[in-house]
Amino acid sequence: MNSRKMLLLQIYLYLICLVDVVAFLVVVGNGLWGVVQMAARV
């Protein structure tokens, strides 16, 4: 592979990782919010 293709592949993989991290943070945030809501009902 030439260096340009390698750079584009790395950028693509970093973008996928960024999307995964953001999705994980949203899921964790929603989970914590659900726990807080359940605790508030008690």
Protein backbone atom coordinates (compact mmCIF):
# COMPACT_ATOMS: atom_id res chain seq x y z
CA MET A 1 0.00 0.00 0.00
CA ASN A 2 1.21 3.46 -0.67
CA SER A 3 1.31 6.05 2.07
CA ARG A 4 -1.81 7.90 0.86
CA LYS A 5 -3.99 4.79 1.04
CA MET A 6 -2.54 3.95 4.43
CA LEU A 7 -3.34 7.46 5.71
CA LEU A 8 -6.93 7.25 4.43
CA LEU A 9 -7.33 3.83 6.07
CA GLN A 10 -6.05 5.18 9.39
CA ILE A 11 -8.39 8.19 9.22
CA TYR A 12 -11.32 5.88 8.45
CA LEU A 13 -10.48 3.59 11.38
CA TYR A 14 -10.05 6.54 13.75
CA LEU A 15 -13.46 7.87 12.72
CA ILE A 16 -15.04 4.48 13.40
CA CYS A 17 -13.39 4.40 16.82
CA LEU A 18 -14.66 7.90 17.55
CA VAL A 19 -18.21 6.93 16.64
CA ASP A 20 -17.94 3.83 18.84
CA VAL A 21 -16.69 5.87 21.81
CA VAL A 22 -19.49 8.42 21.42
CA ALA A 23 -22.10 5.64 21.18
CA PHE A 24 -20.62 3.97 24.29
CA LEU A 25 -20.79 7.25 26.22
CA VAL A 26 -24.43 7.74 25.21
CA VAL A 27 -25.33 4.23 26.34
CA VAL A 28 -23.50 4.65 29.66
CA GLY A 29 -25.12 8.04 30.20
CA ASN A 30 -28.58 6.64 29.55
CA GLY A 31 -27.88 3.74 31.88
CA LEU A 32 -26.73 6.02 34.67
CA TRP A 33 -29.75 8.25 34.15
CA GLY A 34 -32.01 5.21 34.45
CA VAL A 35 -30.33 4.20 37.69
CA VAL A 36 -30.79 7.72 39.07
CA GLN A 37 -34.47 7.70 38.10
CA MET A 38 -35.02 4.30 39.75
CA ALA A 39 -33.25 5.47 42.89
CA ALA A 40 -35.35 8.65 42.99
CA ARG A 41 -38.60 6.62 42.96
CA VAL A 42 -37.67 4.70 46.10
